[in-house]
């Protein structure tokens, strides 16, 4: 089992920045591919970003087109923590953001392929 706890959400003006954190506990964090998803009111949960495990070729990460160039996913295995740096925020980024872990080291953009979820943190972008 892996327990995940997000933090860092809040209210920010358009064009501002936030950094979300996801603290993991339980099994070895470094063995899990991780992802960020979000869900806006009345909408389905959607993929934001995913990051794999460290391998001989480096570490892979992928982003939704809507956040590419603005958001950066990263991980600190020594701290068992996943991050999402969000810059140039837009009102349409408003949502509850969830971190998730999957029992494999490979990345995935599908929420159905993640096995563990945090409780979510609210991000509101508004002037």
Foldseek 3Di string as FASTA:
>chain_A
DKAKAKDWADEAAAQAKTKMKIAIDDDQLLFWKKFKWWDDPPGDIFGAKIKFHQDPVGIDMDGDPVQPPFWDWDDDSVRRMIMIIGGRDDQVVWTWMKMFIANHRDIDRDPVRTDYIYPTDTHGYHD
